[in-house]
Amino acid sequence: MLSFKDAVRKRPGMYFGDIDHNAVNHVIYELVANVVDLFLAGRATTLKVDVSECEIIVIDDGPGFPFPVEDSAHNLVERYLTHHHDKPTADDHAPHVHVLGGGLGLAAVNAVSETLTIESSNGAWRWRQVFGKGDVFAPLESFRYDGPSGSSIKLSLDPSVFHNRLPDFFQLRKAMFELAHLYSGLIVEFDGERYVSKQGLLELAYLMWSGPKWAFNPKMFRFKGQTEDVGFEVAAIGDGGSPPCYKSWVNGCETEEHGAHVNGLRQALNDAGWAPDIALISIVMHDPKFAGPVKSRLCNRRVKSLIAEALADPLKMFKSKSEDN
């Protein structure tokens, strides 16, 4: 029976899709998702992604990887990088995001890397360790350090797996720009650009809106809420009278077939008597249930009522104020 690393290296397409530019992007998204998790937990503010023809670097200002201070026999990071787990996350943290449908974990990324170097600090110690091809390439280096916390992962993809495929830079830029709007306040740096959004989905909705922006101020609505284990943000714009164009995400993954969260938003808009041109919803929850492995439709039935009830009063107040104006 093949080990996990050998299975990934032998059939990488089963894990990353066709071995093309999108598969290279998928590797990057796996690393990015871990930083977004830290942001959601209030433990990081900045994500920096640098990509060249030969190297991928992802940097964050989080608390650092859980390397041991002295006892290298209990190196959890080595386990994360060399062992696959069947849980949503290796350390059971929640919620966990999947940027553009990812979710394979660091062990899969290590398996397709020629080299993968982690440098990390918790503000008191700094560590460095080299991995690659699913294995540990070098023992852990650690030393005392008085400086900011954070981590960097620097990797080069194994040419025997990816055949020198390059990432799709335009798609990466789109994904990083969108990420900054899905998680308002997250600072995203990519290819010399810096994205940060204060208004989150509302700014994204405005960019998507095709109405005559120069002619009038359109109706615009934004609401962020938290109910039970579901955090969500909603934005809507326009008043054209036609059925809204919906776009939705769950834990960072676009749900093209929508599902319970959009049904709840649709019900709330109908109850308020408003048909915006564009309506966006992004939710983050601990245990999303999808209709299939591609995560295109959310099936958690209770989410519909949670969203509808949470939006009822805010939309009613918004509609009343807009009519008064």
C-alpha atoms as a PDB file:
ATOM      1  CA  MET A   1       0.000   0.000   0.000  1.00  0.00           C
ATOM      2  CA  LEU A   2       1.339   3.415  -0.979  1.00  0.00           C
ATOM      3  CA  SER A   3       2.188   5.930   1.726  1.00  0.00           C
ATOM      4  CA  PHE A   4       0.419   9.281   1.543  1.00  0.00           C
ATOM      5  CA  LYS A   5       3.450  11.081   0.115  1.00  0.00           C
ATOM      6  CA  ASP A   6       3.982   8.385  -2.514  1.00  0.00           C
ATOM      7  CA  ALA A   7       0.299   8.456  -3.443  1.00  0.00           C
ATOM      8  CA  VAL A   8       0.422  12.242  -3.938  1.00  0.00           C
ATOM      9  CA  ARG A   9       3.637  12.091  -5.934  1.00  0.00           C
ATOM     10  CA  LYS A  10       2.464   9.183  -8.075  1.00  0.00           C
ATOM     11  CA  ARG A  11      -0.992  10.634  -8.838  1.00  0.00           C
ATOM     12  CA  PRO A  12      -0.786  14.377  -8.115  1.00  0.00           C
ATOM     13  CA  GLY A  13      -3.744  15.065 -10.375  1.00  0.00           C
ATOM     14  CA  MET A  14      -6.052  13.290  -7.918  1.00  0.00           C
ATOM     15  CA  TYR A  15      -5.124  15.837  -5.272  1.00  0.00           C
ATOM     16  CA  PHE A  16      -4.381  19.070  -7.139  1.00  0.00           C
ATOM     17  CA  GLY A  17      -6.398  18.574 -10.325  1.00  0.00           C
ATOM     18  CA  ASP A  18      -4.819  18.490 -13.755  1.00  0.00           C
ATOM     19  CA  ILE A  19      -1.135  19.305 -13.394  1.00  0.00           C
ATOM     20  CA  ASP A  20      -1.317  22.717 -15.004  1.00  0.00           C
ATOM     21  CA  HIS A  21      -1.213  26.366 -13.975  1.00  0.00           C
ATOM     22  CA  ASN A  22      -4.301  25.939 -11.794  1.00  0.00           C
ATOM     23  CA  ALA A  23      -2.643  23.118  -9.860  1.00  0.00           C
ATOM     24  CA  VAL A  24       0.309  25.395  -9.076  1.00  0.00           C
ATOM     25  CA  ASN A  25      -2.156  28.008  -7.843  1.00  0.00           C
ATOM     26  CA  HIS A  26      -3.826  25.323  -5.724  1.00  0.00           C
ATOM     27  CA  VAL A  27      -0.550  24.749  -3.873  1.00  0.00           C
ATOM     28  CA  ILE A  28      -0.365  28.457  -3.089  1.00  0.00           C
ATOM     29  CA  TYR A  29      -3.980  28.551  -1.898  1.00  0.00           C
ATOM     30  CA  GLU A  30      -3.230  25.754   0.581  1.00  0.00           C
ATOM     31  CA  LEU A  31      -0.587  27.929   2.235  1.00  0.00           C
ATOM     32  CA  VAL A  32      -2.695  31.081   2.082  1.00  0.00           C
ATOM     33  CA  ALA A  33      -5.673  29.398   3.788  1.00  0.00           C
ATOM     34  CA  ASN A  34      -3.626  28.729   6.922  1.00  0.00           C
ATOM     35  CA  VAL A  35      -2.868  32.450   7.258  1.00  0.00           C
ATOM     36  CA  VAL A  36      -6.543  33.370   6.824  1.00  0.00           C
ATOM     37  CA  ASP A  37      -7.352  30.964   9.659  1.00  0.00           C
ATOM     38  CA  LEU A  38      -4.951  32.903  11.869  1.00  0.00           C
ATOM     39  CA  PHE A  39      -6.606  36.170  10.842  1.00  0.00           C
ATOM     40  CA  LEU A  40     -10.052  34.822  11.704  1.00  0.00           C
ATOM     41  CA  ALA A  41      -8.727  33.789  15.107  1.00  0.00           C
ATOM     42  CA  GLY A  42      -7.354  37.305  15.680  1.00  0.00           C
ATOM     43  CA  ARG A  43      -3.771  36.071  15.587  1.00  0.00           C
ATOM     44  CA  ALA A  44      -2.498  37.602  12.327  1.00  0.00           C
ATOM     45  CA  THR A  45      -3.147  40.719  10.280  1.00  0.00           C
ATOM     46  CA  THR A  46      -0.940  40.457   7.196  1.00  0.00           C
ATOM     47  CA  LEU A  47      -0.506  37.931   4.400  1.00  0.00           C
ATOM     48  CA  LYS A  48       2.289  38.403   1.879  1.00  0.00           C
ATOM     49  CA  VAL A  49       2.608  36.236  -1.230  1.00  0.00           C
ATOM     50  CA  ASP A  50       5.594  36.426  -3.590  1.00  0.00           C
ATOM     51  CA  VAL A  51       5.646  34.146  -6.611  1.00  0.00           C
ATOM     52  CA  SER A  52       8.327  33.799  -9.252  1.00  0.00           C
ATOM     53  CA  GLU A  53       9.118  31.229 -11.907  1.00  0.00           C
ATOM     54  CA  CYS A  54      11.177  29.173  -9.488  1.00  0.00           C
ATOM     55  CA  GLU A  55       9.948  29.962  -5.984  1.00  0.00           C
ATOM     56  CA  ILE A  56       6.818  30.544  -3.897  1.00  0.00           C
ATOM     57  CA  ILE A  57       7.007  32.510  -0.636  1.00  0.00           C
ATOM     58  CA  VAL A  58       4.112  32.995   1.794  1.00  0.00           C
ATOM     59  CA  ILE A  59       4.717  35.193   4.858  1.00  0.00           C
ATOM     60  CA  ASP A  60       2.488  36.080   7.815  1.00  0.00           C
ATOM     61  CA  ASP A  61       2.765  38.009  11.079  1.00  0.00           C
ATOM     62  CA  GLY A  62       1.071  35.330  13.175  1.00  0.00           C
ATOM     63  CA  PRO A  63       2.257  33.532  16.319  1.00  0.00           C
ATOM     64  CA  GLY A  64       4.639  31.185  14.527  1.00  0.00           C
ATOM     65  CA  PHE A  65       4.547  27.433  13.973  1.00  0.00           C
ATOM     66  CA  PRO A  66       4.424  25.221  17.094  1.00  0.00           C
ATOM     67  CA  PHE A  67       8.047  24.138  16.945  1.00  0.00           C
ATOM     68  CA  PRO A  68       9.536  22.745  20.181  1.00  0.00           C
ATOM     69  CA  VAL A  69      11.912  24.963  22.101  1.00  0.00           C
ATOM     70  CA  GLU A  70      14.312  22.225  23.136  1.00  0.00           C
ATOM     71  CA  ASP A  71      12.906  18.701  22.690  1.00  0.00           C
ATOM     72  CA  SER A  72      13.026  17.974  18.938  1.00  0.00           C
ATOM     73  CA  ALA A  73      11.550  14.514  19.590  1.00  0.00           C
ATOM     74  CA  HIS A  74       8.144  16.195  19.952  1.00  0.00           C
ATOM     75  CA  ASN A  75       8.190  18.301  16.813  1.00  0.00           C
ATOM     76  CA  LEU A  76       4.539  18.705  15.829  1.00  0.00           C
ATOM     77  CA  VAL A  77       5.496  20.606  12.691  1.00  0.00           C
ATOM     78  CA  GLU A  78       7.377  17.593  11.338  1.00  0.00           C
ATOM     79  CA  ARG A  79       4.212  15.571  11.816  1.00  0.00           C
ATOM     80  CA  TYR A  80       2.063  18.174  10.057  1.00  0.00           C
ATOM     81  CA  LEU A  81       4.459  18.189   7.101  1.00  0.00           C
ATOM     82  CA  THR A  82       4.867  14.431   6.758  1.00  0.00           C
ATOM     83  CA  HIS A  83       1.574  12.855   7.864  1.00  0.00           C
ATOM     84  CA  HIS A  84      -1.863  13.197   6.318  1.00  0.00           C
ATOM     85  CA  HIS A  85      -4.825  13.655   8.640  1.00  0.00           C
ATOM     86  CA  ASP A  86      -8.508  12.887   8.036  1.00  0.00           C
ATOM     87  CA  LYS A  87      -9.746  15.820  10.124  1.00  0.00           C
ATOM     88  CA  PRO A  88     -10.506  19.291   8.732  1.00  0.00           C
ATOM     89  CA  THR A  89      -7.317  20.562  10.418  1.00  0.00           C
ATOM     90  CA  ALA A  90      -4.322  18.893  12.002  1.00  0.00           C
ATOM     91  CA  ASP A  91      -4.737  20.725  15.316  1.00  0.00           C
ATOM     92  CA  ASP A  92      -8.574  20.801  15.352  1.00  0.00           C
ATOM     93  CA  HIS A  93      -8.787  24.585  15.110  1.00  0.00           C
ATOM     94  CA  ALA A  94     -12.035  25.994  13.775  1.00  0.00           C
ATOM     95  CA  PRO A  95     -13.250  27.582  11.677  1.00  0.00           C
ATOM     96  CA  HIS A  96     -11.022  26.648   8.765  1.00  0.00           C
ATOM     97  CA  VAL A  97     -11.165  28.264   5.334  1.00  0.00           C
ATOM     98  CA  HIS A  98     -10.546  26.697   1.954  1.00  0.00           C
ATOM     99  CA  VAL A  99      -9.378  29.277  -0.555  1.00  0.00           C
ATOM    100  CA  LEU A 100     -10.973  28.420  -3.910  1.00  0.00           C
ATOM    101  CA  GLY A 101     -11.881  24.919  -2.827  1.00  0.00           C
ATOM    102  CA  GLY A 102      -8.593  23.775  -1.286  1.00  0.00           C
ATOM    103  CA  GLY A 103      -8.125  21.774   1.882  1.00  0.00           C
ATOM    104  CA  LEU A 104      -5.422  19.158   1.324  1.00  0.00           C
ATOM    105  CA  GLY A 105      -3.031  20.270   4.057  1.00  0.00           C
ATOM    106  CA  LEU A 106       0.698  20.891   4.412  1.00  0.00           C
ATOM    107  CA  ALA A 107       1.648  17.231   3.996  1.00  0.00           C
ATOM    108  CA  ALA A 108       0.321  17.263   0.428  1.00  0.00           C
ATOM    109  CA  VAL A 109       2.160  20.509  -0.325  1.00  0.00           C
ATOM    110  CA  ASN A 110       5.381  19.050   1.075  1.00  0.00           C
ATOM    111  CA  ALA A 111       4.933  15.915  -1.040  1.00  0.00           C
ATOM    112  CA  VAL A 112       5.039  17.876  -4.310  1.00  0.00           C
ATOM    113  CA  SER A 113       7.824  20.271  -3.239  1.00  0.00           C
ATOM    114  CA  GLU A 114      11.436  19.904  -4.256  1.00  0.00           C
ATOM    115  CA  THR A 115      12.311  21.866  -1.122  1.00  0.00           C
ATOM    116  CA  LEU A 116      10.110  23.560   1.468  1.00  0.00           C
ATOM    117  CA  THR A 117      11.750  25.754   4.087  1.00  0.00           C
ATOM    118  CA  ILE A 118       9.910  27.046   7.141  1.00  0.00           C
ATOM    119  CA  GLU A 119      11.318  29.944   9.146  1.00  0.00           C
ATOM    120  CA  SER A 120       9.236  30.917  12.142  1.00  0.00           C
ATOM    121  CA  SER A 121       9.308  32.898  15.361  1.00  0.00           C
ATOM    122  CA  ASN A 122       7.096  33.312  18.414  1.00  0.00           C
ATOM    123  CA  GLY A 123       8.932  36.477  19.484  1.00  0.00           C
ATOM    124  CA  ALA A 124      11.272  34.672  21.878  1.00  0.00           C
ATOM    125  CA  TRP A 125      12.581  31.815  19.724  1.00  0.00           C
ATOM    126  CA  ARG A 126      13.290  31.494  16.036  1.00  0.00           C
ATOM    127  CA  TRP A 127      13.290  28.209  14.120  1.00  0.00           C
ATOM    128  CA  ARG A 128      14.271  26.971  10.695  1.00  0.00           C
ATOM    129  CA  GLN A 129      13.682  23.563   9.149  1.00  0.00           C
ATOM    130  CA  VAL A 130      13.870  22.210   5.615  1.00  0.00           C
ATOM    131  CA  PHE A 131      11.472  19.676   4.113  1.00  0.00           C
ATOM    132  CA  GLY A 132      10.778  18.352   0.647  1.00  0.00           C
ATOM    133  CA  LYS A 133       9.298  15.488  -1.375  1.00  0.00           C
ATOM    134  CA  GLY A 134       7.174  14.533   1.616  1.00  0.00           C
ATOM    135  CA  ASP A 135      10.161  14.073   3.938  1.00  0.00           C
ATOM    136  CA  VAL A 136      12.254  15.945   6.485  1.00  0.00           C
ATOM    137  CA  PHE A 137      15.430  17.143   4.771  1.00  0.00           C
ATOM    138  CA  ALA A 138      17.244  18.689   7.724  1.00  0.00           C
ATOM    139  CA  PRO A 139      17.015  18.727  11.525  1.00  0.00           C
ATOM    140  CA  LEU A 140      15.363  21.638  13.277  1.00  0.00           C
ATOM    141  CA  GLU A 141      17.529  24.679  13.979  1.00  0.00           C
ATOM    142  CA  SER A 142      16.464  26.870  16.899  1.00  0.00           C
ATOM    143  CA  PHE A 143      17.935  29.861  18.699  1.00  0.00           C
ATOM    144  CA  ARG A 144      16.912  32.634  21.045  1.00  0.00           C
ATOM    145  CA  TYR A 145      15.376  35.589  19.278  1.00  0.00           C
ATOM    146  CA  ASP A 146      14.062  38.982  20.368  1.00  0.00           C
ATOM    147  CA  GLY A 147      11.890  40.248  17.571  1.00  0.00           C
ATOM    148  CA  PRO A 148       8.469  40.109  15.958  1.00  0.00           C
ATOM    149  CA  SER A 149       6.587  36.835  15.605  1.00  0.00           C
ATOM    150  CA  GLY A 150       5.638  35.412  12.233  1.00  0.00           C
ATOM    151  CA  SER A 151       6.402  32.710   9.722  1.00  0.00           C
ATOM    152  CA  SER A 152       7.555  32.290   6.169  1.00  0.00           C
ATOM    153  CA  ILE A 153       7.245  29.245   3.940  1.00  0.00           C
ATOM    154  CA  LYS A 154       9.549  29.202   0.954  1.00  0.00           C
ATOM    155  CA  LEU A 155       9.143  26.372  -1.529  1.00  0.00           C
ATOM    156  CA  SER A 156      10.106  25.276  -4.987  1.00  0.00           C
ATOM    157  CA  LEU A 157       7.883  22.757  -6.727  1.00  0.00           C
ATOM    158  CA  ASP A 158       9.323  19.412  -7.759  1.00  0.00           C
ATOM    159  CA  PRO A 159       9.843  19.573 -11.561  1.00  0.00           C
ATOM    160  CA  SER A 160       9.340  15.818 -11.802  1.00  0.00           C
ATOM    161  CA  VAL A 161       5.747  16.385 -10.584  1.00  0.00           C
ATOM    162  CA  PHE A 162       4.811  19.749 -12.087  1.00  0.00           C
ATOM    163  CA  HIS A 163       7.074  19.668 -15.174  1.00  0.00           C
ATOM    164  CA  ASN A 164       8.074  23.299 -14.655  1.00  0.00           C
ATOM    165  CA  ARG A 165       4.491  24.564 -14.857  1.00  0.00           C
ATOM    166  CA  LEU A 166       4.108  28.196 -13.819  1.00  0.00           C
ATOM    167  CA  PRO A 167       1.276  29.699 -11.785  1.00  0.00           C
ATOM    168  CA  ASP A 168      -1.525  31.684 -13.394  1.00  0.00           C
ATOM    169  CA  PHE A 169      -0.563  35.140 -12.123  1.00  0.00           C
ATOM    170  CA  PHE A 170      -3.774  36.822 -13.290  1.00  0.00           C
ATOM    171  CA  GLN A 171      -5.961  34.284 -11.480  1.00  0.00           C
ATOM    172  CA  LEU A 172      -3.751  34.574  -8.388  1.00  0.00           C
ATOM    173  CA  ARG A 173      -4.134  38.341  -8.375  1.00  0.00           C
ATOM    174  CA  LYS A 174      -7.905  38.023  -8.684  1.00  0.00           C
ATOM    175  CA  ALA A 175      -8.008  35.518  -5.811  1.00  0.00           C
ATOM    176  CA  MET A 176      -5.829  37.663  -3.519  1.00  0.00           C
ATOM    177  CA  PHE A 177      -7.855  40.792  -4.278  1.00  0.00           C
ATOM    178  CA  GLU A 178     -11.096  38.936  -3.567  1.00  0.00           C
ATOM    179  CA  LEU A 179      -9.664  37.494  -0.353  1.00  0.00           C
ATOM    180  CA  ALA A 180      -9.022  40.965   1.040  1.00  0.00           C
ATOM    181  CA  HIS A 181     -12.698  41.789   0.494  1.00  0.00           C
ATOM    182  CA  LEU A 182     -14.050  38.536   1.887  1.00  0.00           C
ATOM    183  CA  TYR A 183     -12.168  39.216   5.131  1.00  0.00           C
ATOM    184  CA  SER A 184     -12.244  42.964   5.689  1.00  0.00           C
ATOM    185  CA  GLY A 185      -9.216  44.178   7.589  1.00  0.00           C
ATOM    186  CA  LEU A 186      -6.896  41.468   6.328  1.00  0.00           C
ATOM    187  CA  ILE A 187      -3.866  43.045   4.656  1.00  0.00           C
ATOM    188  CA  VAL A 188      -2.885  41.125   1.527  1.00  0.00           C
ATOM    189  CA  GLU A 189       0.339  41.882  -0.331  1.00  0.00           C
ATOM    190  CA  PHE A 190       0.866  40.257  -3.719  1.00  0.00           C
ATOM    191  CA  ASP A 191       3.333  40.981  -6.509  1.00  0.00           C
ATOM    192  CA  GLY A 192       4.146  44.451  -5.222  1.00  0.00           C
ATOM    193  CA  GLU A 193       0.501  45.391  -4.653  1.00  0.00           C
ATOM    194  CA  ARG A 194      -1.288  45.814  -1.334  1.00  0.00           C
ATOM    195  CA  TYR A 195      -4.972  45.068  -0.851  1.00  0.00           C
ATOM    196  CA  VAL A 196      -6.978  45.931   2.239  1.00  0.00           C
ATOM    197  CA  SER A 197     -10.698  46.622   2.428  1.00  0.00           C
ATOM    198  CA  LYS A 198     -12.616  48.452   5.150  1.00  0.00           C
ATOM    199  CA  GLN A 199     -16.051  47.876   3.611  1.00  0.00           C
ATOM    200  CA  GLY A 200     -15.453  44.262   2.586  1.00  0.00           C
ATOM    201  CA  LEU A 201     -18.169  42.748   0.410  1.00  0.00           C
ATOM    202  CA  LEU A 202     -19.822  46.116  -0.191  1.00  0.00           C
ATOM    203  CA  GLU A 203     -16.768  47.361  -2.075  1.00  0.00           C
ATOM    204  CA  LEU A 204     -16.719  44.133  -4.068  1.00  0.00           C
ATOM    205  CA  ALA A 205     -20.424  44.471  -4.859  1.00  0.00           C
ATOM    206  CA  TYR A 206     -19.890  48.053  -6.041  1.00  0.00           C
ATOM    207  CA  LEU A 207     -17.120  46.934  -8.390  1.00  0.00           C
ATOM    208  CA  MET A 208     -19.389  44.201  -9.778  1.00  0.00           C
ATOM    209  CA  TRP A 209     -22.373  46.529 -10.187  1.00  0.00           C
ATOM    210  CA  SER A 210     -23.060  47.645 -13.757  1.00  0.00           C
ATOM    211  CA  GLY A 211     -25.407  50.518 -12.926  1.00  0.00           C
ATOM    212  CA  PRO A 212     -24.603  54.138 -13.844  1.00  0.00           C
ATOM    213  CA  LYS A 213     -22.356  55.019 -10.934  1.00  0.00           C
ATOM    214  CA  TRP A 214     -21.883  58.550 -12.217  1.00  0.00           C
ATOM    215  CA  ALA A 215     -25.605  59.313 -12.322  1.00  0.00           C
ATOM    216  CA  PHE A 216     -26.805  58.650  -8.788  1.00  0.00           C
ATOM    217  CA  ASN A 217     -26.010  57.068  -5.472  1.00  0.00           C
ATOM    218  CA  PRO A 218     -27.420  53.538  -5.541  1.00  0.00           C
ATOM    219  CA  LYS A 219     -29.016  51.839  -2.585  1.00  0.00           C
ATOM    220  CA  MET A 220     -26.247  50.050  -0.703  1.00  0.00           C
ATOM    221  CA  PHE A 221     -26.583  47.714   2.249  1.00  0.00           C
ATOM    222  CA  ARG A 222     -23.937  45.967   4.330  1.00  0.00           C
ATOM    223  CA  PHE A 223     -24.320  43.878   7.454  1.00  0.00           C
ATOM    224  CA  LYS A 224     -21.974  41.681   9.478  1.00  0.00           C
ATOM    225  CA  GLY A 225     -23.360  39.279  12.020  1.00  0.00           C
ATOM    226  CA  GLN A 226     -22.569  36.348  14.266  1.00  0.00           C
ATOM    227  CA  THR A 227     -25.156  33.794  15.312  1.00  0.00           C
ATOM    228  CA  GLU A 228     -24.330  30.549  17.097  1.00  0.00           C
ATOM    229  CA  ASP A 229     -21.303  29.157  15.224  1.00  0.00           C
ATOM    230  CA  VAL A 230     -21.957  31.066  11.989  1.00  0.00           C
ATOM    231  CA  GLY A 231     -20.307  34.369  11.166  1.00  0.00           C
ATOM    232  CA  PHE A 232     -21.495  36.122   8.031  1.00  0.00           C
ATOM    233  CA  GLU A 233     -21.310  39.270   5.948  1.00  0.00           C
ATOM    234  CA  VAL A 234     -23.907  40.464   3.465  1.00  0.00           C
ATOM    235  CA  ALA A 235     -23.755  43.245   0.884  1.00  0.00           C
ATOM    236  CA  ALA A 236     -26.333  44.353  -1.654  1.00  0.00           C
ATOM    237  CA  ILE A 237     -26.526  47.199  -4.154  1.00  0.00           C
ATOM    238  CA  GLY A 238     -28.982  48.666  -6.649  1.00  0.00           C
ATOM    239  CA  ASP A 239     -32.712  48.709  -7.062  1.00  0.00           C
ATOM    240  CA  GLY A 240     -33.371  47.717 -10.647  1.00  0.00           C
ATOM    241  CA  GLY A 241     -36.440  45.632  -9.927  1.00  0.00           C
ATOM    242  CA  SER A 242     -35.100  42.506 -11.596  1.00  0.00           C
ATOM    243  CA  PRO A 243     -34.223  39.365  -9.603  1.00  0.00           C
ATOM    244  CA  PRO A 244     -30.856  39.894  -7.896  1.00  0.00           C
ATOM    245  CA  CYS A 245     -27.627  38.394  -9.137  1.00  0.00           C
ATOM    246  CA  TYR A 246     -26.308  36.364  -6.192  1.00  0.00           C
ATOM    247  CA  LYS A 247     -22.738  35.437  -5.387  1.00  0.00           C
ATOM    248  CA  SER A 248     -21.812  33.438  -2.292  1.00  0.00           C
ATOM    249  CA  TRP A 249     -18.960  31.910  -0.348  1.00  0.00           C
ATOM    250  CA  VAL A 250     -18.593  29.456   2.527  1.00  0.00           C
ATOM    251  CA  ASN A 251     -15.295  29.445   4.441  1.00  0.00           C
ATOM    252  CA  GLY A 252     -13.571  31.164   1.546  1.00  0.00           C
ATOM    253  CA  CYS A 253     -14.851  28.772  -1.115  1.00  0.00           C
ATOM    254  CA  GLU A 254     -17.224  30.176  -3.726  1.00  0.00           C
ATOM    255  CA  THR A 255     -20.497  28.269  -3.727  1.00  0.00           C
ATOM    256  CA  GLU A 256     -21.597  28.594  -7.342  1.00  0.00           C
ATOM    257  CA  GLU A 257     -24.827  26.662  -6.747  1.00  0.00           C
ATOM    258  CA  HIS A 258     -25.469  28.659  -3.555  1.00  0.00           C
ATOM    259  CA  GLY A 259     -27.587  26.728  -1.041  1.00  0.00           C
ATOM    260  CA  ALA A 260     -28.922  27.416   2.449  1.00  0.00           C
ATOM    261  CA  HIS A 261     -27.091  30.724   3.062  1.00  0.00           C
ATOM    262  CA  VAL A 262     -28.367  32.278  -0.170  1.00  0.00           C
ATOM    263  CA  ASN A 263     -31.851  30.917   0.474  1.00  0.00           C
ATOM    264  CA  GLY A 264     -31.827  32.715   3.819  1.00  0.00           C
ATOM    265  CA  LEU A 265     -30.636  35.945   2.204  1.00  0.00           C
ATOM    266  CA  ARG A 266     -33.234  35.618  -0.551  1.00  0.00           C
ATOM    267  CA  GLN A 267     -36.002  35.144   2.016  1.00  0.00           C
ATOM    268  CA  ALA A 268     -34.863  38.188   3.999  1.00  0.00           C
ATOM    269  CA  LEU A 269     -34.785  40.378   0.876  1.00  0.00           C
ATOM    270  CA  ASN A 270     -38.214  39.163  -0.202  1.00  0.00           C
ATOM    271  CA  ASP A 271     -39.648  39.837   3.261  1.00  0.00           C
ATOM    272  CA  ALA A 272     -38.184  43.351   3.150  1.00  0.00           C
ATOM    273  CA  GLY A 273     -39.612  43.941  -0.333  1.00  0.00           C
ATOM    274  CA  TRP A 274     -36.258  44.847  -1.889  1.00  0.00           C
ATOM    275  CA  ALA A 275     -34.818  43.429  -5.096  1.00  0.00           C
ATOM    276  CA  PRO A 276     -31.203  44.703  -5.347  1.00  0.00           C
ATOM    277  CA  ASP A 277     -29.231  44.255  -8.528  1.00  0.00           C
ATOM    278  CA  ILE A 278     -26.438  42.345  -6.766  1.00  0.00           C
ATOM    279  CA  ALA A 279     -26.473  40.500  -3.449  1.00  0.00           C
ATOM    280  CA  LEU A 280     -23.375  38.912  -1.933  1.00  0.00           C
ATOM    281  CA  ILE A 281     -23.049  36.708   1.138  1.00  0.00           C
ATOM    282  CA  SER A 282     -19.976  35.149   2.720  1.00  0.00           C
ATOM    283  CA  ILE A 283     -20.234  32.920   5.771  1.00  0.00           C
ATOM    284  CA  VAL A 284     -17.676  31.238   7.992  1.00  0.00           C
ATOM    285  CA  MET A 285     -18.818  28.276  10.056  1.00  0.00           C
ATOM    286  CA  HIS A 286     -17.261  25.414  11.988  1.00  0.00           C
ATOM    287  CA  ASP A 287     -18.871  22.468  10.236  1.00  0.00           C
ATOM    288  CA  PRO A 288     -20.218  23.259   6.771  1.00  0.00           C
ATOM    289  CA  LYS A 289     -22.041  20.482   4.923  1.00  0.00           C
ATOM    290  CA  PHE A 290     -21.841  20.555   1.149  1.00  0.00           C
ATOM    291  CA  ALA A 291     -23.812  18.766  -1.538  1.00  0.00           C
ATOM    292  CA  GLY A 292     -20.660  17.222  -2.997  1.00  0.00           C
ATOM    293  CA  PRO A 293     -16.853  17.242  -2.926  1.00  0.00           C
ATOM    294  CA  VAL A 294     -16.584  20.377  -5.079  1.00  0.00           C
ATOM    295  CA  LYS A 295     -18.269  22.420  -2.308  1.00  0.00           C
ATOM    296  CA  SER A 296     -20.561  24.265  -4.726  1.00  0.00           C
ATOM    297  CA  ARG A 297     -23.769  24.112  -2.622  1.00  0.00           C
ATOM    298  CA  LEU A 298     -24.248  24.495   1.139  1.00  0.00           C
ATOM    299  CA  CYS A 299     -26.647  21.985   2.672  1.00  0.00           C
ATOM    300  CA  ASN A 300     -26.805  23.014   6.356  1.00  0.00           C
ATOM    301  CA  ARG A 301     -30.577  23.531   6.558  1.00  0.00           C
ATOM    302  CA  ARG A 302     -30.573  25.543   9.777  1.00  0.00           C
ATOM    303  CA  VAL A 303     -28.396  28.198   8.131  1.00  0.00           C
ATOM    304  CA  LYS A 304     -31.335  29.436   6.045  1.00  0.00           C
ATOM    305  CA  SER A 305     -33.400  30.387   9.085  1.00  0.00           C
ATOM    306  CA  LEU A 306     -30.377  31.761  10.955  1.00  0.00           C
ATOM    307  CA  ILE A 307     -29.516  34.145   8.119  1.00  0.00           C
ATOM    308  CA  ALA A 308     -33.125  35.141   7.420  1.00  0.00           C
ATOM    309  CA  GLU A 309     -33.850  35.913  11.067  1.00  0.00           C
ATOM    310  CA  ALA A 310     -30.589  37.805  11.606  1.00  0.00           C
ATOM    311  CA  LEU A 311     -31.206  40.028   8.564  1.00  0.00           C
ATOM    312  CA  ALA A 312     -34.896  40.706   9.138  1.00  0.00           C
ATOM    313  CA  ASP A 313     -34.605  43.780  11.380  1.00  0.00           C
ATOM    314  CA  PRO A 314     -31.497  45.326   9.747  1.00  0.00           C
ATOM    315  CA  LEU A 315     -33.099  45.102   6.293  1.00  0.00           C
ATOM    316  CA  LYS A 316     -36.395  46.483   7.573  1.00  0.00           C
ATOM    317  CA  MET A 317     -34.594  49.486   9.089  1.00  0.00           C
ATOM    318  CA  PHE A 318     -32.542  49.981   5.918  1.00  0.00           C
ATOM    319  CA  LYS A 319     -35.631  49.854   3.702  1.00  0.00           C
ATOM    320  CA  SER A 320     -37.455  52.332   5.923  1.00  0.00           C
ATOM    321  CA  LYS A 321     -34.563  54.838   5.882  1.00  0.00           C
ATOM    322  CA  SER A 322     -34.067  54.550   2.130  1.00  0.00           C
ATOM    323  CA  GLU A 323     -37.751  55.222   1.508  1.00  0.00           C
ATOM    324  CA  ASP A 324     -37.639  58.267   3.785  1.00  0.00           C
ATOM    325  CA  ASN A 325     -34.785  59.641   1.710  1.00  0.00           C
END
